[in-house]
Protein backbone atom coordinates (compact mmCIF):
# COMPACT_ATOMS: atom_id res chain seq x y z
CA MET A 1 -0.54 21.84 -23.62
CA SER A 2 2.31 20.42 -21.72
CA LEU A 3 4.19 17.17 -21.90
CA PHE A 4 5.01 15.88 -18.50
CA ARG A 5 7.44 12.70 -17.40
CA ASP A 6 7.43 10.65 -14.56
CA ASP A 7 8.15 7.26 -13.33
CA GLY A 8 4.84 5.19 -11.21
CA ILE A 9 3.51 2.21 -10.18
CA VAL A 10 0.32 1.17 -12.28
CA LEU A 11 -2.78 1.04 -9.41
CA ARG A 12 -5.53 0.30 -11.52
CA THR A 13 -7.24 0.01 -14.96
CA GLN A 14 -10.81 0.90 -16.03
CA LYS A 15 -12.43 -0.02 -19.37
CA LEU A 16 -13.17 3.10 -21.59
CA GLY A 17 -14.93 2.93 -24.52
CA GLU A 18 -13.79 0.32 -26.81
CA ALA A 19 -10.23 0.43 -26.73
CA ASP A 20 -9.28 2.38 -24.27
CA ARG A 21 -8.36 2.39 -20.68
CA ILE A 22 -8.18 5.09 -17.66
CA ILE A 23 -4.99 4.00 -15.88
CA THR A 24 -4.17 4.96 -12.30
CA PHE A 25 -0.85 5.71 -11.24
CA LEU A 26 1.17 6.60 -8.17
CA THR A 27 3.74 8.66 -9.27
CA ARG A 28 6.80 9.91 -7.68
CA GLY A 29 6.80 13.21 -8.31
CA HIS A 30 2.84 14.21 -9.05
CA GLY A 31 1.63 11.38 -6.39
CA ARG A 32 -1.75 9.73 -7.62
CA VAL A 33 -2.64 10.49 -11.39
CA ARG A 34 -5.51 9.03 -13.39
CA ALA A 35 -4.83 9.30 -17.14
CA VAL A 36 -6.31 7.80 -20.63
CA ALA A 37 -4.74 5.30 -22.52
CA ARG A 38 -5.69 5.21 -26.03
CA GLY A 39 -5.97 1.54 -27.69
CA VAL A 40 -4.30 0.10 -24.99
CA ARG A 41 -7.01 -2.73 -24.85
CA ARG A 42 -6.49 -3.87 -28.90
CA THR A 43 -5.00 -7.08 -29.23
CA LYS A 44 -1.48 -5.71 -31.30
CA SER A 45 -1.40 -3.08 -28.32
CA LYS A 46 2.34 -3.36 -27.02
CA PHE A 47 1.61 -0.18 -24.82
CA GLY A 48 -1.06 -1.86 -23.06
CA ALA A 49 1.03 -4.65 -21.80
CA ARG A 50 3.24 -2.37 -20.03
CA LEU A 51 -0.18 -0.77 -18.21
CA GLU A 52 -1.28 -3.46 -16.14
CA PRO A 53 -1.36 -3.55 -12.29
CA PHE A 54 1.89 -4.00 -10.04
CA SER A 55 3.87 -2.47 -13.28
CA HIS A 56 6.94 0.05 -12.26
CA VAL A 57 6.90 2.19 -15.65
CA ASP A 58 8.50 5.75 -16.88
CA VAL A 59 5.45 7.30 -18.34
CA GLN A 60 4.70 10.43 -20.49
CA PHE A 61 1.69 12.49 -20.07
CA TYR A 62 0.15 15.03 -22.21
CA ALA A 63 -2.10 17.90 -20.57
CA ARG A 64 -4.09 20.75 -21.58
CA GLY A 65 -2.94 23.38 -20.16
CA SER A 66 0.28 23.92 -17.82
CA GLU A 67 -0.92 21.54 -14.97
CA LEU A 68 -0.86 17.82 -15.18
CA VAL A 69 -4.16 17.49 -13.04
CA GLY A 70 -6.67 19.51 -13.98
CA ARG A 71 -10.61 19.60 -14.98
CA GLY A 72 -10.05 16.88 -17.93
CA LEU A 73 -7.85 13.48 -17.62
CA PRO A 74 -4.40 14.00 -19.13
CA MET A 75 -3.40 11.37 -21.96
CA CYS A 76 -0.65 8.58 -21.38
CA THR A 77 1.36 8.72 -24.40
CA GLN A 78 4.41 6.73 -24.24
CA SER A 79 5.39 4.18 -21.38
CA GLU A 80 8.64 1.93 -20.73
CA THR A 81 9.05 -0.62 -18.36
CA ILE A 82 10.98 -0.44 -15.55
CA ALA A 83 10.06 -3.30 -13.45
CA ALA A 84 7.70 -5.83 -14.43
CA TYR A 85 6.71 -6.89 -10.77
CA GLY A 86 3.55 -8.37 -12.00
CA SER A 87 5.01 -11.49 -13.49
CA GLY A 88 6.08 -12.41 -10.30
CA ILE A 89 2.84 -12.00 -8.11
CA VAL A 90 0.03 -12.59 -10.22
CA THR A 91 0.89 -16.47 -10.66
CA ASP A 92 0.98 -17.05 -6.94
CA TYR A 93 -2.62 -16.63 -5.12
CA ALA A 94 -0.97 -15.18 -1.71
CA ARG A 95 1.24 -12.60 -3.72
CA TYR A 96 -1.37 -11.61 -5.89
CA THR A 97 -3.78 -11.19 -3.14
CA ALA A 98 -1.36 -9.15 -0.59
CA GLY A 99 -0.23 -7.18 -3.95
CA THR A 100 -3.56 -6.33 -4.27
CA ALA A 101 -4.23 -5.22 -0.87
CA MET A 102 -1.17 -3.28 -1.37
CA LEU A 103 -2.27 -1.28 -4.35
CA GLU A 104 -5.70 -0.29 -2.74
CA THR A 105 -3.89 0.95 0.41
CA ALA A 106 -1.93 3.10 -1.66
CA GLU A 107 -4.67 4.73 -3.72
CA ARG A 108 -6.65 4.92 -0.68
CA PHE A 109 -3.73 6.90 1.29
CA THR A 110 -2.81 9.21 -1.81
CA ASP A 111 -6.87 10.43 -2.16
CA HIS A 112 -5.72 13.71 -3.77
CA GLU A 113 -4.70 13.70 -7.17
CA GLY A 114 -1.66 15.70 -8.11
CA GLU A 115 0.06 16.20 -4.62
CA PRO A 116 3.35 14.26 -4.22
CA ALA A 117 3.52 11.52 -1.90
CA VAL A 118 7.14 10.48 -2.11
CA GLN A 119 7.47 8.40 0.75
CA GLN A 120 4.30 6.49 0.24
CA TYR A 121 5.47 6.14 -3.41
CA LEU A 122 8.89 4.49 -2.09
CA LEU A 123 7.00 2.30 -0.18
CA LEU A 124 4.69 0.58 -2.55
CA VAL A 125 8.10 0.38 -4.93
CA GLY A 126 10.17 -1.41 -2.03
CA GLY A 127 7.22 -3.69 -1.17
CA LEU A 128 6.23 -5.19 -4.61
CA ARG A 129 10.16 -5.70 -5.19
CA THR A 130 9.90 -7.78 -2.34
CA LEU A 131 6.85 -9.39 -2.89
CA ALA A 132 7.77 -10.37 -6.28
CA ARG A 133 11.24 -11.83 -4.91
CA GLY A 134 9.30 -13.94 -2.48
CA GLU A 135 12.17 -12.94 0.17
CA HIS A 136 9.26 -13.49 3.07
CA GLU A 137 5.78 -14.75 3.55
CA PRO A 138 3.12 -12.32 1.23
CA HIS A 139 1.08 -11.84 4.93
CA LEU A 140 4.17 -10.25 6.50
CA VAL A 141 5.02 -8.16 3.52
CA LEU A 142 1.96 -6.82 3.35
CA ASP A 143 1.48 -5.95 6.95
CA ALA A 144 4.55 -4.33 7.18
CA PHE A 145 3.34 -2.54 4.16
CA LEU A 146 0.37 -1.78 5.73
CA LEU A 147 2.02 -0.16 9.34
CA ARG A 148 4.63 1.78 7.55
CA SER A 149 2.23 3.05 5.32
CA LEU A 150 0.08 4.12 8.24
CA ALA A 151 3.25 5.51 10.05
CA VAL A 152 4.59 7.76 6.82
CA ASN A 153 0.79 9.15 7.28
CA GLY A 154 0.85 10.08 10.41
CA TYR A 155 -0.87 7.37 12.18
CA ALA A 156 2.58 5.51 13.60
CA PRO A 157 1.10 2.96 16.12
CA SER A 158 2.96 2.65 19.39
CA PHE A 159 4.28 -0.93 20.29
CA ASP A 160 6.05 -0.10 23.45
CA GLY A 161 5.19 2.95 25.54
CA CYS A 162 1.89 4.09 26.41
CA ALA A 163 0.41 5.64 23.49
CA LYS A 164 -1.74 8.39 25.49
CA CYS A 165 0.76 8.80 28.68
CA GLY A 166 4.22 7.64 27.52
CA LEU A 167 4.90 5.16 30.28
CA PRO A 168 7.43 3.15 28.99
CA GLY A 169 6.88 -0.65 28.25
CA PRO A 170 6.07 -3.23 28.25
CA ASN A 171 2.03 -2.34 28.42
CA ARG A 172 -0.42 -5.00 28.41
CA PHE A 173 -3.18 -3.29 26.45
CA PHE A 174 -3.77 -2.28 23.12
CA SER A 175 -6.42 0.46 21.72
CA VAL A 176 -6.88 1.20 17.98
CA GLY A 177 -8.29 4.21 19.14
CA SER A 178 -5.84 5.22 21.45
CA GLY A 179 -2.84 5.01 19.03
CA GLY A 180 -1.39 1.63 19.97
CA VAL A 181 -0.35 0.14 23.55
CA VAL A 182 -2.01 1.88 26.57
CA CYS A 183 -1.13 1.45 30.38
CA GLY A 184 -3.83 0.08 33.00
CA ASP A 185 -4.48 3.49 33.93
CA CYS A 186 -5.22 4.76 30.33
CA ARG A 187 -7.32 1.88 29.27
CA VAL A 188 -10.43 2.44 27.57
CA PRO A 189 -13.28 0.40 26.95
CA GLY A 190 -12.71 -1.68 23.82
CA SER A 191 -9.01 -2.26 24.32
CA VAL A 192 -7.78 -5.94 24.41
CA VAL A 193 -4.91 -7.89 25.65
CA PRO A 194 -3.03 -9.49 22.77
CA SER A 195 -0.11 -11.47 23.38
CA SER A 196 3.76 -9.99 23.84
CA GLU A 197 4.56 -12.16 20.96
CA ALA A 198 1.93 -10.72 18.27
CA ILE A 199 3.10 -7.21 19.53
CA GLY A 200 6.66 -8.05 19.14
CA LEU A 201 6.15 -8.86 15.85
CA LEU A 202 4.45 -5.76 14.85
CA ALA A 203 6.85 -3.86 16.42
CA ALA A 204 9.76 -5.88 14.45
CA LEU A 205 7.56 -5.35 10.92
CA LEU A 206 7.33 -1.88 11.58
CA SER A 207 11.24 -1.18 12.11
CA GLY A 208 12.31 -3.62 9.53
CA ASP A 209 13.53 -6.61 11.84
CA TRP A 210 12.86 -9.52 9.41
CA ALA A 211 14.77 -11.61 11.45
CA THR A 212 12.37 -11.54 14.27
CA ALA A 213 9.38 -11.38 12.07
CA ASP A 214 10.28 -14.58 9.80
CA ALA A 215 10.73 -16.32 12.99
CA CYS A 216 7.09 -16.00 14.67
CA GLU A 217 4.62 -18.92 15.18
CA PRO A 218 1.68 -18.67 12.54
CA ARG A 219 -0.70 -18.08 15.51
CA HIS A 220 1.00 -14.88 16.61
CA VAL A 221 0.87 -13.94 12.89
CA ARG A 222 -2.46 -14.41 12.52
CA GLU A 223 -3.38 -12.38 15.59
CA GLY A 224 -1.01 -9.51 15.14
CA SER A 225 -2.65 -9.29 11.54
CA GLY A 226 -5.91 -8.66 13.05
CA LEU A 227 -4.68 -5.94 15.15
CA VAL A 228 -3.32 -4.55 12.01
CA ALA A 229 -6.38 -4.86 10.11
CA ALA A 230 -8.58 -3.10 12.78
CA TYR A 231 -6.01 -0.14 13.40
CA LEU A 232 -5.91 0.43 9.64
CA HIS A 233 -9.94 0.38 9.47
CA TRP A 234 -10.16 2.61 12.08
CA HIS A 235 -8.07 5.42 10.23
CA LEU A 236 -9.19 4.70 7.14
CA GLU A 237 -12.76 4.70 8.37
CA ARG A 238 -13.58 1.79 6.27
CA GLY A 239 -11.93 -1.25 5.55
CA LEU A 240 -10.21 -2.09 2.46
CA ARG A 241 -12.31 -4.72 0.10
CA SER A 242 -9.31 -6.81 -1.13
CA LEU A 243 -8.22 -7.45 2.47
CA ARG A 244 -10.96 -10.01 3.12
CA TYR A 245 -9.23 -12.40 0.28
CA VAL A 246 -6.00 -12.35 2.06
CA GLU A 247 -4.41 -16.01 3.09
CA LYS A 248 -3.47 -15.87 6.42
């Protein structure tokens, strides 16, 4: 029997029995972890209030055996709040839907429990912090998070040089299956011709150029979001359920 301590973001909660919950975390050191939290649905439980989606917590796990992830679910025995990002997210519909899509994305990219995913974890913490503070439009924060999540998982799209032959940009065509923009010679059926402004916006979001992103016109933002959604759908093999509710 072992005790483990880690800090993580609460991704999702599920009811278990009359008073318990299964909590899904994305942790710094152990990746995605599901654990049982006893009694957290009782009215007087202060412990349960800390284990809501969007919460950044320092949590202690109790596991049978020497491994945190094994045949059974570990127990969540202690929790201390590091940052309650939910308080700045759940009261605003645009932030809430964007944040929910971010949590779902992080869970989908960490489908093997117990495997560390430090870059994905740090991306999620930074994305939720930015979203809760209202520093940028929620849909821009979401698209930046999606692009960077794709990048750290090995699916970085190209927005300048041809994704197939490397021809220096700018290149006119965009193909989700080819990995981003492609030249005329590498164009494949299904390629689209987005505006240069939309491609510039996505490149800015991926690189963190917020001055360019914040100044982009709404029509180009919507166009860019459509490309991000299609690219994400291609690599996840199915879309995000929460993405349909995001305001554009």
